[in-house]
Structures are given as structure tokens and as C-alpha cells.
Amino acid sequence: MYKFAMAIFFAAFSGVAAFAQTTSTDYKKAEVFVGYSNNQVDTGVSPNDDFSDLVDDRESFHGFNVSGVYNFSRYLGVKADVSGTYNKKEYDFAVPVTGGTGNVSFDTDSSLYNFLGGIQIKDNASTSRLKPFAHILAGAGHGRVKVNNVNCDITVDCTGFSGTSSETGLAGAFGGGLDIKLTDRIDLRAIQIDYNPIRFDNATTHNVRFGIGLVFK
């Protein structure tokens, strides 16, 4: 996914170079994107029934993505981007205890937010129908996990297991996508793909964010 996102970036950059000699100034000064976001989050856990499988997995978070761009030229704009995605899971698995195994079950209610800003590269000419774009964004990510309905065998000590934890760290989004002109004021964002690393607890989560929606100009 990272290589694909970078390919989109270079395609959009090449498009800018190809049209660099164009003198038209008929382009949109600003745009607002509102859409659905799917974030494939590097959680490190999965809802399997084998304790040894609770590592190195990816969960699908669903939510929203909104962004605003001010174009200071036909091809370059400054961008602010906010996304929030959510996930609920039920876990039930065996854990090793003295003399055998015990059972643990619980629910998690998780959320992940990105608050980002940076540069967008795109041909914003009013006459363009297909508009590939790329962006480089940086800022903060905020994650929260609430553990509910903890249920443990008498052989398992789950004291203090339930509760809420949260953390904020450095985040980025590197990728782009394709907008398709519907009307003079509305585009369809057919696809957006971002590599979305976030630094939590001295480790980097390697997430992949997908988006689709409408762009208003």
C-alpha cells in the first residue's frame, strides 16, 4: 500500500510538471472534502481464541474524513485534514495459568483521530475532468481504547483490566487519490489512499487510510 500511495504522489507531481507551461488562471481557489474514511489500523491485537495470535494484526476502523484546501496557485495548495475512525470488538480467548488455562472475555470501544496539515499538489483548472492529487501532511494522532464487560475465570486475575486509556503522538499522511468532476462546484473523490504512520508509546503504528466522498468548491 505504501508503494501504491507513493506511485499516486509521483503521478500527480508529473502532471504538475507536464502542465507547468500553461498560463491559464481559471482555477478554484478553495475546496472542502467531506467523506467516509476506512483506516486499516496496526493494533497489534486480534479477536481470535488463541492467545498466541494476539499480535501483529490489523483492524478495520470506520468513520469520517474532512479537509479544506486553499490553493495559492493552480497546482499547489495548503491543506488542513481531520479524520476520526472507530472500532468495536468482542474478545474471548484462553490464557496460560498455573496448572492449565483460563478464559478471559471483554469488549473494546476504540477510536483514532488525525489532526493534520500540509501541502496538496493538484491541477485545479476548472476545465479538468480527471484530477489526480497528492498530499504530504503532518500533525498529531490521538487514540483511545475503552475496555468494558471484563469477564475472567476464577483462575485469572483481571484486577484493573477494565478502564480507558488514551495517547497522543506525532502523525502523518502521505498519499493521494483521484477526483472526478461532476459539476462546476462538485467533484467525486473516487479514491484516496494514505500511508498513515502514528507514533504511540515509543513505537510507530503503520496504518493505511482509505477515503471516498464529495469535494465542494
Protein backbone atom coordinates (compact mmCIF):
# COMPACT_ATOMS: atom_id res chain seq x y z
CA MET A 1 0.00 0.00 0.00
CA TYR A 2 2.84 2.39 0.78
CA LYS A 3 4.35 1.86 -2.70
CA PHE A 4 0.94 2.39 -4.32
CA ALA A 5 0.39 5.65 -2.40
CA MET A 6 3.82 6.90 -3.46
CA ALA A 7 3.02 5.99 -7.08
CA ILE A 8 -0.05 8.23 -6.89
CA PHE A 9 2.10 11.03 -5.47
CA PHE A 10 4.63 10.85 -8.31
CA ALA A 11 1.85 10.62 -10.92
CA ALA A 12 0.29 13.80 -9.61
CA PHE A 13 3.69 15.53 -9.43
CA SER A 14 4.41 14.52 -13.02
CA GLY A 15 1.07 16.00 -14.03
CA VAL A 16 2.09 19.31 -12.49
CA ALA A 17 5.34 19.32 -14.46
CA ALA A 18 3.55 18.50 -17.71
CA PHE A 19 1.19 21.45 -17.35
CA ALA A 20 3.72 23.88 -15.89
CA GLN A 21 3.80 25.95 -19.09
CA THR A 22 0.05 26.55 -19.09
CA THR A 23 -0.81 30.19 -18.45
CA SER A 24 -4.50 29.72 -17.53
CA THR A 25 -5.52 31.25 -14.22
CA ASP A 26 -9.05 29.79 -14.29
CA TYR A 27 -8.84 27.56 -11.25
CA LYS A 28 -10.71 27.10 -7.98
CA LYS A 29 -9.19 28.96 -5.04
CA ALA A 30 -10.57 26.64 -2.35
CA GLU A 31 -12.18 23.25 -1.81
CA VAL A 32 -13.75 21.28 1.03
CA PHE A 33 -13.82 17.47 1.12
CA VAL A 34 -16.39 15.54 3.18
CA GLY A 35 -16.37 11.77 3.08
CA TYR A 36 -16.16 8.29 4.54
CA SER A 37 -12.85 7.04 5.92
CA ASN A 38 -11.67 3.48 6.45
CA ASN A 39 -8.43 3.13 8.42
CA GLN A 40 -6.65 -0.21 8.48
CA VAL A 41 -5.09 0.25 11.91
CA ASP A 42 -1.97 -1.54 13.12
CA THR A 43 -3.42 -2.53 16.53
CA GLY A 44 -1.22 -5.49 17.41
CA VAL A 45 -4.24 -7.49 18.62
CA SER A 46 -6.97 -9.58 17.04
CA PRO A 47 -10.22 -11.17 18.32
CA ASN A 48 -9.04 -14.77 17.97
CA ASP A 49 -9.42 -17.51 20.52
CA ASP A 50 -5.73 -18.35 20.66
CA PHE A 51 -3.62 -16.19 22.97
CA SER A 52 -0.55 -16.62 20.77
CA ASP A 53 -2.39 -14.95 17.85
CA LEU A 54 -2.95 -11.67 19.71
CA VAL A 55 -0.07 -9.86 17.98
CA ASP A 56 0.72 -8.08 14.72
CA ASP A 57 -2.81 -7.81 13.34
CA ARG A 58 -4.71 -5.04 11.59
CA GLU A 59 -8.23 -3.90 12.40
CA SER A 60 -10.70 -2.01 10.19
CA PHE A 61 -11.82 1.31 11.71
CA HIS A 62 -14.75 3.20 10.09
CA GLY A 63 -15.58 6.90 10.30
CA PHE A 64 -15.21 10.28 8.60
CA ASN A 65 -12.63 12.45 6.88
CA VAL A 66 -12.97 16.19 6.23
CA SER A 67 -10.39 18.53 4.75
CA GLY A 68 -10.05 22.05 3.44
CA VAL A 69 -7.59 23.39 0.87
CA TYR A 70 -6.66 26.93 -0.10
CA ASN A 71 -4.92 26.98 -3.48
CA PHE A 72 -2.28 29.68 -3.72
CA SER A 73 -1.58 28.63 -7.32
CA ARG A 74 -3.23 26.40 -9.91
CA TYR A 75 -1.22 23.40 -8.76
CA LEU A 76 -0.31 23.98 -5.11
CA GLY A 77 -2.45 24.45 -2.04
CA VAL A 78 -2.18 24.40 1.73
CA LYS A 79 -4.34 21.72 3.34
CA ALA A 80 -5.91 21.02 6.74
CA ASP A 81 -7.20 17.49 7.33
CA VAL A 82 -9.19 15.86 10.16
CA SER A 83 -10.32 12.24 10.34
CA GLY A 84 -11.97 10.12 13.02
CA THR A 85 -12.45 6.36 12.79
CA TYR A 86 -13.98 3.89 15.25
CA ASN A 87 -13.98 0.19 16.05
CA LYS A 88 -15.84 -2.08 18.49
CA LYS A 89 -14.72 -5.65 19.18
CA GLU A 90 -15.54 -8.59 21.42
CA TYR A 91 -12.62 -10.71 22.63
CA ASP A 92 -12.76 -14.21 24.09
CA PHE A 93 -9.58 -16.25 24.45
CA ALA A 94 -7.66 -18.70 26.64
CA VAL A 95 -4.61 -17.65 28.67
CA PRO A 96 -1.99 -19.85 30.31
CA VAL A 97 -2.25 -20.15 34.11
CA THR A 98 -0.66 -22.41 36.69
CA GLY A 99 -1.92 -25.91 36.10
CA GLY A 100 -3.63 -25.25 32.75
CA THR A 101 -5.51 -22.47 31.03
CA GLY A 102 -8.08 -19.88 31.98
CA ASN A 103 -10.56 -17.85 29.97
CA VAL A 104 -10.84 -14.09 29.51
CA SER A 105 -13.52 -12.12 27.64
CA PHE A 106 -14.09 -8.38 27.23
CA ASP A 107 -15.28 -5.69 24.82
CA THR A 108 -13.26 -2.79 23.42
CA ASP A 109 -14.51 0.54 22.12
CA SER A 110 -11.67 2.21 20.19
CA SER A 111 -11.24 5.47 18.31
CA LEU A 112 -8.43 7.02 16.27
CA TYR A 113 -8.21 10.68 15.23
CA ASN A 114 -5.81 12.51 12.90
CA PHE A 115 -5.29 16.29 13.01
CA LEU A 116 -3.02 17.12 10.08
CA GLY A 117 -1.83 19.92 7.83
CA GLY A 118 0.47 20.26 4.84
CA ILE A 119 0.66 20.68 1.06
CA GLN A 120 -1.57 19.33 -1.71
CA ILE A 121 -0.47 19.02 -5.37
CA LYS A 122 -3.31 19.01 -7.90
CA ASP A 123 -4.35 20.55 -11.21
CA ASN A 124 -7.26 22.74 -10.09
CA ALA A 125 -8.17 24.09 -13.54
CA SER A 126 -11.94 24.49 -13.90
CA THR A 127 -11.87 22.63 -17.22
CA SER A 128 -10.16 19.50 -15.85
CA ARG A 129 -12.41 16.45 -15.52
CA LEU A 130 -9.96 13.95 -14.00
CA LYS A 131 -7.87 15.41 -11.19
CA PRO A 132 -5.23 13.17 -9.60
CA PHE A 133 -3.76 14.70 -6.47
CA ALA A 134 -1.08 14.03 -3.88
CA HIS A 135 -0.51 15.42 -0.42
CA ILE A 136 2.11 15.44 2.31
CA LEU A 137 0.59 16.01 5.75
CA ALA A 138 1.90 16.02 9.31
CA GLY A 139 0.44 16.69 12.73
CA ALA A 140 -0.98 14.71 15.64
CA GLY A 141 -2.80 11.42 16.09
CA HIS A 142 -4.95 10.63 19.11
CA GLY A 143 -6.01 7.10 20.04
CA ARG A 144 -8.39 5.93 22.76
CA VAL A 145 -9.36 2.42 23.92
CA LYS A 146 -12.11 1.71 26.45
CA VAL A 147 -12.29 -1.83 27.87
CA ASN A 148 -15.76 -2.94 29.06
CA ASN A 149 -17.57 -6.06 30.29
CA VAL A 150 -14.49 -7.87 31.53
CA ASN A 151 -15.18 -11.49 32.43
CA CYS A 152 -12.45 -13.78 33.80
CA ASP A 153 -12.25 -17.32 35.16
CA ILE A 154 -11.59 -17.59 38.87
CA THR A 155 -8.07 -18.75 37.95
CA VAL A 156 -7.27 -15.48 36.12
CA ASP A 157 -6.54 -12.20 37.92
CA CYS A 158 -8.11 -9.35 35.90
CA THR A 159 -7.80 -6.67 38.58
CA GLY A 160 -7.54 -3.24 36.97
CA PHE A 161 -8.04 -4.58 33.46
CA SER A 162 -11.15 -2.54 32.63
CA GLY A 163 -10.97 1.20 32.04
CA THR A 164 -9.96 3.75 29.42
CA SER A 165 -6.51 4.58 28.07
CA SER A 166 -5.55 7.21 25.51
CA GLU A 167 -2.42 8.65 23.92
CA THR A 168 -1.44 11.42 21.52
CA GLY A 169 1.57 11.29 19.22
CA LEU A 170 3.11 12.54 16.01
CA ALA A 171 1.24 11.51 12.85
CA GLY A 172 1.46 11.87 9.10
CA ALA A 173 -0.44 11.07 5.90
CA PHE A 174 1.45 10.51 2.65
CA GLY A 175 -0.54 9.62 -0.44
CA GLY A 176 -3.27 10.97 -2.67
CA GLY A 177 -6.07 9.90 -4.96
CA LEU A 178 -8.36 10.87 -7.81
CA ASP A 179 -11.18 13.43 -8.07
CA ILE A 180 -13.72 13.33 -10.92
CA LYS A 181 -15.63 16.44 -11.95
CA LEU A 182 -19.42 16.11 -11.56
CA THR A 183 -20.45 19.77 -11.84
CA ASP A 184 -18.65 23.10 -11.80
CA ARG A 185 -18.90 23.11 -7.99
CA ILE A 186 -18.80 19.41 -7.02
CA ASP A 187 -16.26 16.64 -7.64
CA LEU A 188 -16.45 12.97 -6.70
CA ARG A 189 -13.44 11.76 -4.75
CA ALA A 190 -13.36 8.28 -6.28
CA ILE A 191 -10.46 7.10 -4.10
CA GLN A 192 -7.96 8.40 -1.58
CA ILE A 193 -5.17 6.22 -0.17
CA ASP A 194 -2.74 7.33 2.53
CA TYR A 195 0.10 5.75 4.45
CA ASN A 196 -0.76 6.98 7.97
CA PRO A 197 2.04 6.34 10.48
CA ILE A 198 1.41 7.40 14.09
CA ARG A 199 3.97 7.40 16.90
CA PHE A 200 2.46 5.95 20.10
CA ASP A 201 4.39 4.89 23.21
CA ASN A 202 7.83 4.98 21.54
CA ALA A 203 6.62 2.78 18.66
CA THR A 204 5.21 3.54 15.22
CA THR A 205 1.86 2.12 14.07
CA HIS A 206 1.84 1.64 10.29
CA ASN A 207 -1.74 2.38 9.29
CA VAL A 208 -3.34 2.66 5.84
CA ARG A 209 -6.22 5.12 5.37
CA PHE A 210 -8.79 4.93 2.56
CA GLY A 211 -11.35 7.59 1.68
CA ILE A 212 -14.24 8.36 -0.66
CA GLY A 213 -16.68 11.26 -0.77
CA LEU A 214 -17.51 14.64 -2.31
CA VAL A 215 -15.39 17.75 -2.92
CA PHE A 216 -17.15 21.12 -2.82
CA LYS A 217 -15.54 24.16 -4.50
